[in-house]
Amino acid sequence: MTDGPFPPLALLVTGNVHKAVEIATILRGRYDVRAHAVEVDETGATFEENAVLKARAVTPGPDVTVVLSDDSGIAVDALDGAPGVRSARWTEEADWIPRLLRQLHGVPPDARTARFVCAAAAVLPDGREVVARSEVLGRVADAPRGDGGFGYDPVFIPDEGDGRTFAEAPELKARLSHRARAFQTLAAELTLLDRWSPG
């Protein structure tokens, strides 16, 4: 897929500028990622279903090699997995972290376990779908820390890290994040699919 002088064009279904930059960085050298904002009714019961719904919402032009999308969120064990697939919709964006911390008020550190989840989807012009999912385990901090990242990054402390939140350690997030791992896996699967395609 990357044999030519330029990476193939991938259309990324998102209106989130931060997410678009992050995914373009993850896939640099493999795809030329262009963001395309489309309103999609995320009616899926899983991250995977919502990711595919988004990717299928766009009809690619003749120059587009693949349409990409993702659905991501944080699942907190003490909240029975909430906000989960509703992470971006359970309240206004400005209240995402305040609401999460209010609901975890009084919960001790060892019971604030959580996971960041990302399902990355690709739809090819011939209709084939590829989905990759990744999770990063961690816990929710008792207060926001750090200025990097976006979304729930200021309160997520990955188990594989050094005690800093993703927002405090962008380089750590680039290496460990659920989205990085999901899209790296997706890109590898697309390469294999292309290699074994007839013709």
N, C-alpha and C. Protein backbone atom coordinates (compact mmCIF):
# COMPACT_ATOMS: atom_id res chain seq x y z
N MET A 1 0.81 -1.21 0.00
CA MET A 1 0.00 0.00 0.00
C MET A 1 0.85 1.26 0.00
N THR A 2 2.11 1.11 0.32
CA THR A 2 2.98 2.29 0.40
C THR A 2 4.16 2.16 -0.56
N ASP A 3 3.95 1.41 -1.68
CA ASP A 3 5.06 1.19 -2.60
C ASP A 3 5.39 2.42 -3.44
N GLY A 4 4.39 3.31 -3.66
CA GLY A 4 4.61 4.47 -4.50
C GLY A 4 5.39 5.54 -3.77
N PRO A 5 5.62 6.68 -4.47
CA PRO A 5 6.39 7.76 -3.87
C PRO A 5 5.65 8.50 -2.76
N PHE A 6 4.32 8.39 -2.77
CA PHE A 6 3.51 9.09 -1.76
C PHE A 6 2.60 8.09 -1.05
N PRO A 7 2.35 8.30 0.24
CA PRO A 7 1.44 7.40 0.95
C PRO A 7 0.04 7.48 0.36
N PRO A 8 -0.71 6.39 0.40
CA PRO A 8 -2.08 6.41 -0.11
C PRO A 8 -2.98 7.30 0.75
N LEU A 9 -4.02 7.83 0.11
CA LEU A 9 -4.91 8.77 0.79
C LEU A 9 -5.95 8.02 1.62
N ALA A 10 -6.06 8.41 2.88
CA ALA A 10 -7.07 7.85 3.79
C ALA A 10 -7.96 8.98 4.29
N LEU A 11 -9.26 8.76 4.22
CA LEU A 11 -10.23 9.74 4.71
C LEU A 11 -10.61 9.34 6.14
N LEU A 12 -10.39 10.24 7.08
CA LEU A 12 -10.69 9.98 8.49
C LEU A 12 -11.97 10.69 8.89
N VAL A 13 -12.97 9.93 9.29
CA VAL A 13 -14.26 10.51 9.65
C VAL A 13 -14.20 11.01 11.09
N THR A 14 -14.00 12.30 11.24
CA THR A 14 -13.99 12.93 12.56
C THR A 14 -14.08 14.44 12.42
N GLY A 15 -14.71 15.06 13.39
CA GLY A 15 -14.72 16.51 13.47
C GLY A 15 -13.84 17.01 14.60
N ASN A 16 -13.13 16.07 15.23
CA ASN A 16 -12.27 16.38 16.37
C ASN A 16 -10.85 16.65 15.87
N VAL A 17 -10.43 17.90 15.92
CA VAL A 17 -9.12 18.28 15.39
C VAL A 17 -8.00 17.57 16.13
N HIS A 18 -8.10 17.48 17.46
CA HIS A 18 -7.06 16.81 18.25
C HIS A 18 -6.92 15.35 17.84
N LYS A 19 -8.05 14.68 17.67
CA LYS A 19 -8.03 13.27 17.28
C LYS A 19 -7.43 13.12 15.87
N ALA A 20 -7.79 14.03 14.96
CA ALA A 20 -7.27 13.96 13.59
C ALA A 20 -5.75 14.08 13.57
N VAL A 21 -5.22 15.01 14.35
CA VAL A 21 -3.76 15.19 14.42
C VAL A 21 -3.10 13.95 15.01
N GLU A 22 -3.70 13.41 16.07
CA GLU A 22 -3.13 12.23 16.72
C GLU A 22 -3.08 11.04 15.77
N ILE A 23 -4.17 10.79 15.06
CA ILE A 23 -4.23 9.64 14.16
C ILE A 23 -3.32 9.84 12.95
N ALA A 24 -3.26 11.07 12.43
CA ALA A 24 -2.35 11.34 11.32
C ALA A 24 -0.90 11.09 11.72
N THR A 25 -0.57 11.43 12.96
CA THR A 25 0.79 11.19 13.47
C THR A 25 1.06 9.69 13.61
N ILE A 26 0.08 8.96 14.13
CA ILE A 26 0.23 7.51 14.29
C ILE A 26 0.48 6.83 12.94
N LEU A 27 -0.22 7.30 11.91
CA LEU A 27 -0.17 6.63 10.60
C LEU A 27 0.79 7.30 9.62
N ARG A 28 1.57 8.26 10.11
CA ARG A 28 2.50 8.97 9.22
C ARG A 28 3.41 7.97 8.50
N GLY A 29 3.55 8.16 7.19
CA GLY A 29 4.38 7.27 6.39
C GLY A 29 3.60 6.12 5.78
N ARG A 30 2.48 5.77 6.41
CA ARG A 30 1.63 4.69 5.87
C ARG A 30 0.48 5.25 5.06
N TYR A 31 -0.12 6.33 5.60
CA TYR A 31 -1.26 6.95 4.92
C TYR A 31 -1.16 8.47 5.02
N ASP A 32 -1.67 9.12 3.99
CA ASP A 32 -1.88 10.57 4.03
C ASP A 32 -3.30 10.75 4.55
N VAL A 33 -3.42 11.10 5.82
CA VAL A 33 -4.73 11.14 6.49
C VAL A 33 -5.36 12.52 6.34
N ARG A 34 -6.58 12.55 5.82
CA ARG A 34 -7.35 13.79 5.69
C ARG A 34 -8.63 13.65 6.49
N ALA A 35 -8.87 14.60 7.37
CA ALA A 35 -10.07 14.56 8.21
C ALA A 35 -11.29 15.00 7.42
N HIS A 36 -12.42 14.37 7.71
CA HIS A 36 -13.68 14.68 7.05
C HIS A 36 -14.78 14.64 8.11
N ALA A 37 -15.33 15.80 8.43
CA ALA A 37 -16.33 15.89 9.50
C ALA A 37 -17.71 15.54 8.97
N VAL A 38 -18.35 14.57 9.61
CA VAL A 38 -19.71 14.15 9.26
C VAL A 38 -20.45 13.86 10.56
N GLU A 39 -21.69 14.33 10.65
CA GLU A 39 -22.50 14.02 11.82
C GLU A 39 -23.06 12.60 11.67
N VAL A 40 -22.74 11.75 12.63
CA VAL A 40 -23.19 10.36 12.58
C VAL A 40 -23.94 10.04 13.87
N ASP A 41 -25.11 9.44 13.73
CA ASP A 41 -25.88 9.03 14.90
C ASP A 41 -25.28 7.74 15.43
N GLU A 42 -24.57 7.84 16.56
CA GLU A 42 -23.84 6.69 17.10
C GLU A 42 -24.80 5.80 17.90
N THR A 43 -25.48 4.93 17.18
CA THR A 43 -26.50 4.08 17.78
C THR A 43 -25.98 2.70 18.16
N GLY A 44 -24.71 2.43 17.90
CA GLY A 44 -24.15 1.12 18.20
C GLY A 44 -24.08 0.85 19.70
N ALA A 45 -24.14 -0.43 20.05
CA ALA A 45 -24.05 -0.84 21.45
C ALA A 45 -22.61 -1.06 21.88
N THR A 46 -21.69 -1.08 20.91
CA THR A 46 -20.28 -1.31 21.21
C THR A 46 -19.42 -0.26 20.50
N PHE A 47 -18.17 -0.15 20.95
CA PHE A 47 -17.23 0.75 20.28
C PHE A 47 -17.05 0.32 18.82
N GLU A 48 -16.98 -0.98 18.59
CA GLU A 48 -16.77 -1.49 17.23
C GLU A 48 -17.92 -1.10 16.30
N GLU A 49 -19.14 -1.27 16.78
CA GLU A 49 -20.30 -0.93 15.96
C GLU A 49 -20.32 0.55 15.60
N ASN A 50 -20.02 1.40 16.57
CA ASN A 50 -20.02 2.84 16.30
C ASN A 50 -18.90 3.23 15.34
N ALA A 51 -17.74 2.61 15.47
CA ALA A 51 -16.64 2.92 14.56
C ALA A 51 -17.00 2.58 13.12
N VAL A 52 -17.63 1.44 12.92
CA VAL A 52 -18.03 1.04 11.56
C VAL A 52 -19.13 1.95 11.03
N LEU A 53 -20.09 2.33 11.88
CA LEU A 53 -21.14 3.26 11.47
C LEU A 53 -20.54 4.55 10.92
N LYS A 54 -19.53 5.07 11.60
CA LYS A 54 -18.89 6.31 11.16
C LYS A 54 -18.19 6.12 9.82
N ALA A 55 -17.43 5.05 9.70
CA ALA A 55 -16.68 4.82 8.46
C ALA A 55 -17.62 4.62 7.28
N ARG A 56 -18.77 4.01 7.53
CA ARG A 56 -19.73 3.75 6.45
C ARG A 56 -20.54 5.00 6.09
N ALA A 57 -20.42 6.06 6.87
CA ALA A 57 -21.20 7.27 6.62
C ALA A 57 -20.64 8.10 5.47
N VAL A 58 -19.47 7.73 4.98
CA VAL A 58 -18.81 8.50 3.92
C VAL A 58 -18.63 7.62 2.68
N THR A 59 -18.93 8.18 1.53
CA THR A 59 -18.65 7.51 0.26
C THR A 59 -17.33 8.04 -0.27
N PRO A 60 -16.31 7.20 -0.35
CA PRO A 60 -14.99 7.69 -0.76
C PRO A 60 -14.94 8.07 -2.24
N GLY A 61 -14.16 9.10 -2.54
CA GLY A 61 -13.91 9.48 -3.92
C GLY A 61 -12.93 8.52 -4.57
N PRO A 62 -12.65 8.71 -5.85
CA PRO A 62 -11.79 7.77 -6.58
C PRO A 62 -10.34 7.76 -6.10
N ASP A 63 -9.90 8.82 -5.46
CA ASP A 63 -8.51 8.87 -5.00
C ASP A 63 -8.32 8.31 -3.59
N VAL A 64 -9.42 8.00 -2.93
CA VAL A 64 -9.35 7.55 -1.54
C VAL A 64 -9.13 6.04 -1.48
N THR A 65 -8.09 5.63 -0.76
CA THR A 65 -7.75 4.21 -0.62
C THR A 65 -8.60 3.53 0.44
N VAL A 66 -8.91 4.27 1.51
CA VAL A 66 -9.64 3.68 2.63
C VAL A 66 -10.30 4.79 3.44
N VAL A 67 -11.45 4.48 4.04
CA VAL A 67 -12.10 5.39 4.98
C VAL A 67 -11.87 4.85 6.39
N LEU A 68 -11.36 5.71 7.25
CA LEU A 68 -11.02 5.33 8.62
C LEU A 68 -11.93 6.04 9.62
N SER A 69 -12.11 5.43 10.76
CA SER A 69 -12.82 6.08 11.86
C SER A 69 -12.46 5.36 13.15
N ASP A 70 -12.87 5.95 14.25
CA ASP A 70 -12.71 5.25 15.52
C ASP A 70 -13.83 5.64 16.47
N ASP A 71 -14.02 4.80 17.45
CA ASP A 71 -14.88 5.16 18.58
C ASP A 71 -14.09 4.80 19.82
N SER A 72 -13.98 5.76 20.71
CA SER A 72 -13.13 5.58 21.88
C SER A 72 -13.86 6.05 23.13
N GLY A 73 -13.37 5.62 24.27
CA GLY A 73 -13.96 6.08 25.51
C GLY A 73 -13.25 5.50 26.71
N ILE A 74 -13.73 5.89 27.86
CA ILE A 74 -13.17 5.40 29.12
C ILE A 74 -14.25 4.59 29.84
N ALA A 75 -13.87 3.44 30.33
CA ALA A 75 -14.78 2.57 31.08
C ALA A 75 -14.24 2.43 32.50
N VAL A 76 -15.02 2.86 33.47
CA VAL A 76 -14.58 2.90 34.87
C VAL A 76 -15.25 1.76 35.64
N ASP A 77 -14.45 0.93 36.26
CA ASP A 77 -14.99 -0.26 36.93
C ASP A 77 -15.96 0.09 38.05
N ALA A 78 -15.65 1.11 38.84
CA ALA A 78 -16.52 1.49 39.96
C ALA A 78 -17.86 2.04 39.50
N LEU A 79 -17.95 2.40 38.21
CA LEU A 79 -19.20 2.91 37.64
C LEU A 79 -19.83 1.88 36.71
N ASP A 80 -19.48 0.61 36.92
CA ASP A 80 -20.02 -0.48 36.10
C ASP A 80 -19.72 -0.29 34.62
N GLY A 81 -18.54 0.23 34.33
CA GLY A 81 -18.12 0.40 32.94
C GLY A 81 -18.51 1.71 32.30
N ALA A 82 -19.24 2.56 33.02
CA ALA A 82 -19.61 3.87 32.49
C ALA A 82 -18.38 4.79 32.52
N PRO A 83 -18.37 5.82 31.70
CA PRO A 83 -19.36 6.15 30.67
C PRO A 83 -19.28 5.28 29.41
N GLY A 84 -18.20 4.54 29.21
CA GLY A 84 -18.14 3.57 28.12
C GLY A 84 -18.40 4.16 26.75
N VAL A 85 -19.29 3.50 25.98
CA VAL A 85 -19.56 3.97 24.62
C VAL A 85 -20.21 5.34 24.59
N ARG A 86 -20.67 5.81 25.74
CA ARG A 86 -21.28 7.14 25.80
C ARG A 86 -20.31 8.20 26.33
N SER A 87 -19.03 7.90 26.33
CA SER A 87 -18.03 8.80 26.91
C SER A 87 -18.10 10.22 26.35
N ALA A 88 -18.40 10.35 25.06
CA ALA A 88 -18.45 11.67 24.43
C ALA A 88 -19.84 12.28 24.46
N ARG A 89 -20.82 11.52 24.99
CA ARG A 89 -22.20 11.99 24.89
C ARG A 89 -22.95 12.00 26.22
N TRP A 90 -22.30 11.59 27.33
CA TRP A 90 -23.07 11.47 28.58
C TRP A 90 -23.28 12.82 29.25
N THR A 91 -22.56 13.83 28.80
CA THR A 91 -22.75 15.19 29.29
C THR A 91 -22.01 16.14 28.36
N GLU A 92 -22.13 17.43 28.58
CA GLU A 92 -21.39 18.39 27.76
C GLU A 92 -19.90 18.19 27.94
N GLU A 93 -19.12 18.47 26.90
CA GLU A 93 -17.68 18.20 26.95
C GLU A 93 -17.00 18.87 28.13
N ALA A 94 -17.39 20.10 28.44
CA ALA A 94 -16.76 20.82 29.55
C ALA A 94 -17.01 20.14 30.89
N ASP A 95 -18.01 19.27 30.95
CA ASP A 95 -18.36 18.60 32.22
C ASP A 95 -17.93 17.14 32.24
N TRP A 96 -17.24 16.65 31.20
CA TRP A 96 -16.83 15.25 31.17
C TRP A 96 -16.05 14.88 32.43
N ILE A 97 -14.96 15.60 32.67
CA ILE A 97 -14.10 15.27 33.81
C ILE A 97 -14.76 15.63 35.14
N PRO A 98 -15.35 16.83 35.28
CA PRO A 98 -16.01 17.14 36.55
C PRO A 98 -17.08 16.11 36.93
N ARG A 99 -17.88 15.67 35.97
CA ARG A 99 -18.91 14.68 36.29
C ARG A 99 -18.29 13.35 36.71
N LEU A 100 -17.25 12.94 35.99
CA LEU A 100 -16.57 11.69 36.33
C LEU A 100 -16.02 11.75 37.76
N LEU A 101 -15.38 12.86 38.10
CA LEU A 101 -14.79 12.98 39.43
C LEU A 101 -15.87 13.07 40.52
N ARG A 102 -16.99 13.71 40.20
CA ARG A 102 -18.09 13.76 41.18
C ARG A 102 -18.61 12.35 41.46
N GLN A 103 -18.73 11.57 40.43
CA GLN A 103 -19.27 10.22 40.61
C GLN A 103 -18.29 9.30 41.33
N LEU A 104 -17.01 9.64 41.28
CA LEU A 104 -15.99 8.84 41.96
C LEU A 104 -15.59 9.42 43.31
N HIS A 105 -16.30 10.45 43.75
CA HIS A 105 -15.97 11.08 45.04
C HIS A 105 -16.05 10.04 46.15
N GLY A 106 -14.97 9.95 46.93
CA GLY A 106 -14.93 9.02 48.04
C GLY A 106 -14.47 7.63 47.69
N VAL A 107 -14.28 7.35 46.40
CA VAL A 107 -13.79 6.03 45.98
C VAL A 107 -12.28 6.00 46.16
N PRO A 108 -11.74 5.04 46.90
CA PRO A 108 -10.30 5.01 47.16
C PRO A 108 -9.49 4.73 45.89
N PRO A 109 -8.21 5.13 45.89
CA PRO A 109 -7.37 4.98 44.69
C PRO A 109 -7.36 3.57 44.11
N ASP A 110 -7.31 2.56 44.96
CA ASP A 110 -7.20 1.19 44.43
C ASP A 110 -8.51 0.68 43.83
N ALA A 111 -9.59 1.45 44.00
CA ALA A 111 -10.88 1.07 43.42
C ALA A 111 -11.25 1.97 42.24
N ARG A 112 -10.32 2.83 41.82
CA ARG A 112 -10.60 3.76 40.72
C ARG A 112 -10.07 3.22 39.39
N THR A 113 -10.04 1.91 39.26
CA THR A 113 -9.51 1.29 38.05
C THR A 113 -10.39 1.59 36.85
N ALA A 114 -9.74 1.71 35.70
CA ALA A 114 -10.45 2.07 34.47
C ALA A 114 -9.66 1.58 33.27
N ARG A 115 -10.28 1.68 32.12
CA ARG A 115 -9.58 1.35 30.88
C ARG A 115 -9.99 2.33 29.80
N PHE A 116 -9.01 2.75 29.02
CA PHE A 116 -9.29 3.49 27.80
C PHE A 116 -9.47 2.45 26.69
N VAL A 117 -10.52 2.60 25.91
CA VAL A 117 -10.83 1.66 24.84
C VAL A 117 -10.89 2.40 23.51
N CYS A 118 -10.35 1.79 22.47
CA CYS A 118 -10.47 2.34 21.12
C CYS A 118 -10.77 1.21 20.15
N ALA A 119 -11.80 1.40 19.35
CA ALA A 119 -12.06 0.53 18.21
C ALA A 119 -11.81 1.36 16.96
N ALA A 120 -10.85 0.93 16.15
CA ALA A 120 -10.52 1.61 14.90
C ALA A 120 -11.09 0.81 13.75
N ALA A 121 -11.76 1.49 12.83
CA ALA A 121 -12.41 0.80 11.71
C ALA A 121 -11.91 1.34 10.39
N ALA A 122 -11.88 0.45 9.40
CA ALA A 122 -11.53 0.82 8.04
C ALA A 122 -12.56 0.20 7.10
N VAL A 123 -13.02 1.00 6.15
CA VAL A 123 -13.90 0.49 5.11
C VAL A 123 -13.23 0.77 3.77
N LEU A 124 -13.02 -0.28 3.00
CA LEU A 124 -12.37 -0.18 1.71
C LEU A 124 -13.40 0.11 0.62
N PRO A 125 -12.96 0.65 -0.52
CA PRO A 125 -13.90 0.99 -1.60
C PRO A 125 -14.75 -0.19 -2.07
N ASP A 126 -14.23 -1.42 -1.92
CA ASP A 126 -15.00 -2.60 -2.35
C ASP A 126 -15.96 -3.09 -1.27
N GLY A 127 -16.04 -2.36 -0.14
CA GLY A 127 -16.99 -2.70 0.90
C GLY A 127 -16.43 -3.53 2.04
N ARG A 128 -15.22 -4.03 1.90
CA ARG A 128 -14.64 -4.82 2.99
C ARG A 128 -14.40 -3.94 4.22
N GLU A 129 -14.57 -4.55 5.39
CA GLU A 129 -14.37 -3.85 6.66
C GLU A 129 -13.26 -4.53 7.46
N VAL A 130 -12.50 -3.72 8.14
CA VAL A 130 -11.49 -4.22 9.08
C VAL A 130 -11.65 -3.42 10.37
N VAL A 131 -11.66 -4.11 11.49
CA VAL A 131 -11.80 -3.44 12.79
C VAL A 131 -10.72 -3.95 13.73
N ALA A 132 -10.08 -3.05 14.44
CA ALA A 132 -9.08 -3.41 15.45
C ALA A 132 -9.43 -2.71 16.75
N ARG A 133 -9.30 -3.43 17.85
CA ARG A 133 -9.63 -2.87 19.16
C ARG A 133 -8.42 -2.97 20.08
N SER A 134 -8.25 -1.94 20.90
CA SER A 134 -7.18 -1.98 21.89
C SER A 134 -7.66 -1.32 23.18
N GLU A 135 -7.10 -1.78 24.28
CA GLU A 135 -7.41 -1.21 25.59
C GLU A 135 -6.12 -0.91 26.34
N VAL A 136 -6.16 0.14 27.13
CA VAL A 136 -5.05 0.46 28.03
C VAL A 136 -5.62 0.52 29.44
N LEU A 137 -5.05 -0.28 30.33
CA LEU A 137 -5.53 -0.31 31.71
C LEU A 137 -4.89 0.80 32.53
N GLY A 138 -5.64 1.29 33.50
CA GLY A 138 -5.11 2.34 34.36
C GLY A 138 -6.08 2.65 35.48
N ARG A 139 -6.00 3.88 35.96
CA ARG A 139 -6.93 4.31 37.01
C ARG A 139 -7.19 5.80 36.84
N VAL A 140 -8.25 6.25 37.51
CA VAL A 140 -8.66 7.65 37.42
C VAL A 140 -8.04 8.43 38.56
N ALA A 141 -7.33 9.50 38.23
CA ALA A 141 -6.73 10.37 39.25
C ALA A 141 -7.82 11.08 40.04
N ASP A 142 -7.43 11.65 41.19
CA ASP A 142 -8.43 12.34 42.01
C ASP A 142 -8.64 13.79 41.57
N ALA A 143 -7.81 14.26 40.63
CA ALA A 143 -7.95 15.62 40.09
C ALA A 143 -7.23 15.67 38.75
N PRO A 144 -7.63 16.57 37.86
CA PRO A 144 -6.95 16.69 36.56
C PRO A 144 -5.50 17.12 36.75
N ARG A 145 -4.62 16.54 35.93
CA ARG A 145 -3.20 16.91 35.97
C ARG A 145 -2.66 16.94 34.54
N GLY A 146 -1.97 18.04 34.22
CA GLY A 146 -1.31 18.14 32.92
C GLY A 146 -2.10 18.95 31.91
N ASP A 147 -1.37 19.48 30.93
CA ASP A 147 -1.97 20.35 29.91
C ASP A 147 -2.01 19.72 28.53
N GLY A 148 -1.43 18.53 28.38
CA GLY A 148 -1.40 17.90 27.07
C GLY A 148 -2.65 17.06 26.83
N GLY A 149 -2.73 16.51 25.63
CA GLY A 149 -3.82 15.60 25.31
C GLY A 149 -5.17 16.29 25.22
N PHE A 150 -6.22 15.48 25.33
CA PHE A 150 -7.58 16.00 25.25
C PHE A 150 -8.52 14.97 25.87
N GLY A 151 -9.79 15.32 25.94
CA GLY A 151 -10.76 14.39 26.51
C GLY A 151 -10.47 14.08 27.97
N TYR A 152 -10.39 12.79 28.29
CA TYR A 152 -10.18 12.34 29.66
C TYR A 152 -8.70 12.19 30.01
N ASP A 153 -7.80 12.58 29.12
CA ASP A 153 -6.36 12.41 29.35
C ASP A 153 -5.87 12.98 30.68
N PRO A 154 -6.38 14.15 31.14
CA PRO A 154 -5.85 14.72 32.39
C PRO A 154 -6.13 13.90 33.64
N VAL A 155 -7.04 12.92 33.56
CA VAL A 155 -7.33 12.13 34.77
C VAL A 155 -7.01 10.65 34.59
N PHE A 156 -6.43 10.27 33.47
CA PHE A 156 -6.13 8.84 33.25
C PHE A 156 -4.66 8.56 33.49
N ILE A 157 -4.40 7.67 34.46
CA ILE A 157 -3.03 7.26 34.79
C ILE A 157 -2.85 5.82 34.31
N PRO A 158 -2.06 5.59 33.25
CA PRO A 158 -1.90 4.22 32.74
C PRO A 158 -1.07 3.36 33.68
N ASP A 159 -1.46 2.09 33.79
CA ASP A 159 -0.71 1.16 34.64
C ASP A 159 0.73 0.99 34.16
N GLU A 160 0.95 1.09 32.86
CA GLU A 160 2.28 0.87 32.29
C GLU A 160 3.18 2.10 32.40
N GLY A 161 2.68 3.17 32.96
CA GLY A 161 3.44 4.40 33.02
C GLY A 161 4.20 4.57 34.32
N ASP A 162 4.47 5.83 34.65
CA ASP A 162 5.27 6.17 35.83
C ASP A 162 4.49 6.98 36.85
N GLY A 163 3.16 6.91 36.78
CA GLY A 163 2.33 7.65 37.73
C GLY A 163 1.79 8.95 37.18
N ARG A 164 2.27 9.36 36.00
CA ARG A 164 1.75 10.58 35.38
C ARG A 164 0.50 10.26 34.56
N THR A 165 -0.34 11.27 34.40
CA THR A 165 -1.50 11.12 33.52
C THR A 165 -1.05 11.24 32.07
N PHE A 166 -1.91 10.83 31.16
CA PHE A 166 -1.61 10.99 29.73
C PHE A 166 -1.40 12.47 29.39
N ALA A 167 -2.13 13.36 30.06
CA ALA A 167 -1.99 14.79 29.78
C ALA A 167 -0.67 15.34 30.27
N GLU A 168 -0.08 14.70 31.28
CA GLU A 168 1.22 15.13 31.79
C GLU A 168 2.37 14.57 30.96
N ALA A 169 2.10 13.52 30.21
CA ALA A 169 3.17 12.81 29.50
C ALA A 169 2.74 12.45 28.08
N PRO A 170 2.69 13.45 27.18
CA PRO A 170 2.27 13.17 25.80
C PRO A 170 3.12 12.10 25.12
N GLU A 171 4.41 12.06 25.46
CA GLU A 171 5.28 11.05 24.83
C GLU A 171 4.90 9.65 25.29
N LEU A 172 4.41 9.55 26.53
CA LEU A 172 3.95 8.27 27.05
C LEU A 172 2.66 7.86 26.34
N LYS A 173 1.77 8.82 26.16
CA LYS A 173 0.52 8.54 25.46
C LYS A 173 0.79 8.09 24.03
N ALA A 174 1.74 8.75 23.36
CA ALA A 174 2.05 8.39 21.98
C ALA A 174 2.49 6.94 21.87
N ARG A 175 3.13 6.44 22.92
CA ARG A 175 3.65 5.07 22.89
C ARG A 175 2.63 4.04 23.39
N LEU A 176 1.83 4.43 24.39
CA LEU A 176 0.98 3.46 25.07
C LEU A 176 -0.50 3.54 24.73
N SER A 177 -0.93 4.60 24.10
CA SER A 177 -2.36 4.86 24.05
C SER A 177 -3.16 3.80 23.30
N HIS A 178 -4.40 3.67 23.74
CA HIS A 178 -5.36 2.77 23.11
C HIS A 178 -5.53 3.08 21.63
N ARG A 179 -5.55 4.36 21.29
CA ARG A 179 -5.75 4.76 19.90
C ARG A 179 -4.53 4.42 19.05
N ALA A 180 -3.34 4.68 19.59
CA ALA A 180 -2.11 4.35 18.85
C ALA A 180 -2.05 2.86 18.56
N ARG A 181 -2.33 2.05 19.55
CA ARG A 181 -2.24 0.60 19.37
C ARG A 181 -3.31 0.09 18.41
N ALA A 182 -4.52 0.62 18.52
CA ALA A 182 -5.59 0.16 17.64
C ALA A 182 -5.30 0.50 16.19
N PHE A 183 -4.83 1.73 15.94
CA PHE A 183 -4.58 2.12 14.55
C PHE A 183 -3.32 1.47 13.99
N GLN A 184 -2.33 1.21 14.82
CA GLN A 184 -1.16 0.47 14.35
C GLN A 184 -1.55 -0.95 13.95
N THR A 185 -2.39 -1.58 14.75
CA THR A 185 -2.88 -2.92 14.42
C THR A 185 -3.72 -2.89 13.16
N LEU A 186 -4.59 -1.89 13.05
CA LEU A 186 -5.44 -1.75 11.87
C LEU A 186 -4.60 -1.59 10.61
N ALA A 187 -3.59 -0.73 10.67
CA ALA A 187 -2.73 -0.50 9.51
C ALA A 187 -2.01 -1.78 9.10
N ALA A 188 -1.54 -2.55 10.08
CA ALA A 188 -0.86 -3.81 9.78
C ALA A 188 -1.82 -4.79 9.12
N GLU A 189 -3.06 -4.85 9.60
CA GLU A 189 -4.05 -5.76 9.02
C GLU A 189 -4.41 -5.33 7.60
N LEU A 190 -4.50 -4.03 7.36
CA LEU A 190 -4.78 -3.54 6.01
C LEU A 190 -3.64 -3.88 5.05
N THR A 191 -2.41 -3.79 5.53
CA THR A 191 -1.26 -4.14 4.70
C THR A 191 -1.32 -5.61 4.30
N LEU A 192 -1.63 -6.47 5.26
CA LEU A 192 -1.76 -7.90 4.96
C LEU A 192 -2.90 -8.16 3.99
N LEU A 193 -4.01 -7.48 4.19
CA LEU A 193 -5.17 -7.64 3.32
C LEU A 193 -4.83 -7.25 1.89
N ASP A 194 -4.12 -6.14 1.75
CA ASP A 194 -3.72 -5.65 0.43
C ASP A 194 -2.75 -6.63 -0.22
N ARG A 195 -1.85 -7.17 0.58
CA ARG A 195 -0.83 -8.08 0.05
C ARG A 195 -1.44 -9.35 -0.51
N TRP A 196 -2.53 -9.80 0.13
CA TRP A 196 -3.14 -11.07 -0.29
C TRP A 196 -4.38 -10.88 -1.16
N SER A 197 -4.64 -9.64 -1.57
CA SER A 197 -5.79 -9.41 -2.44
C SER A 197 -5.50 -9.91 -3.85
N PRO A 198 -6.48 -10.51 -4.52
CA PRO A 198 -6.27 -10.96 -5.89
C PRO A 198 -6.11 -9.79 -6.84
N GLY A 199 -5.39 -10.02 -7.92
CA GLY A 199 -5.19 -8.96 -8.91
C GLY A 199 -4.15 -8.04 -8.47
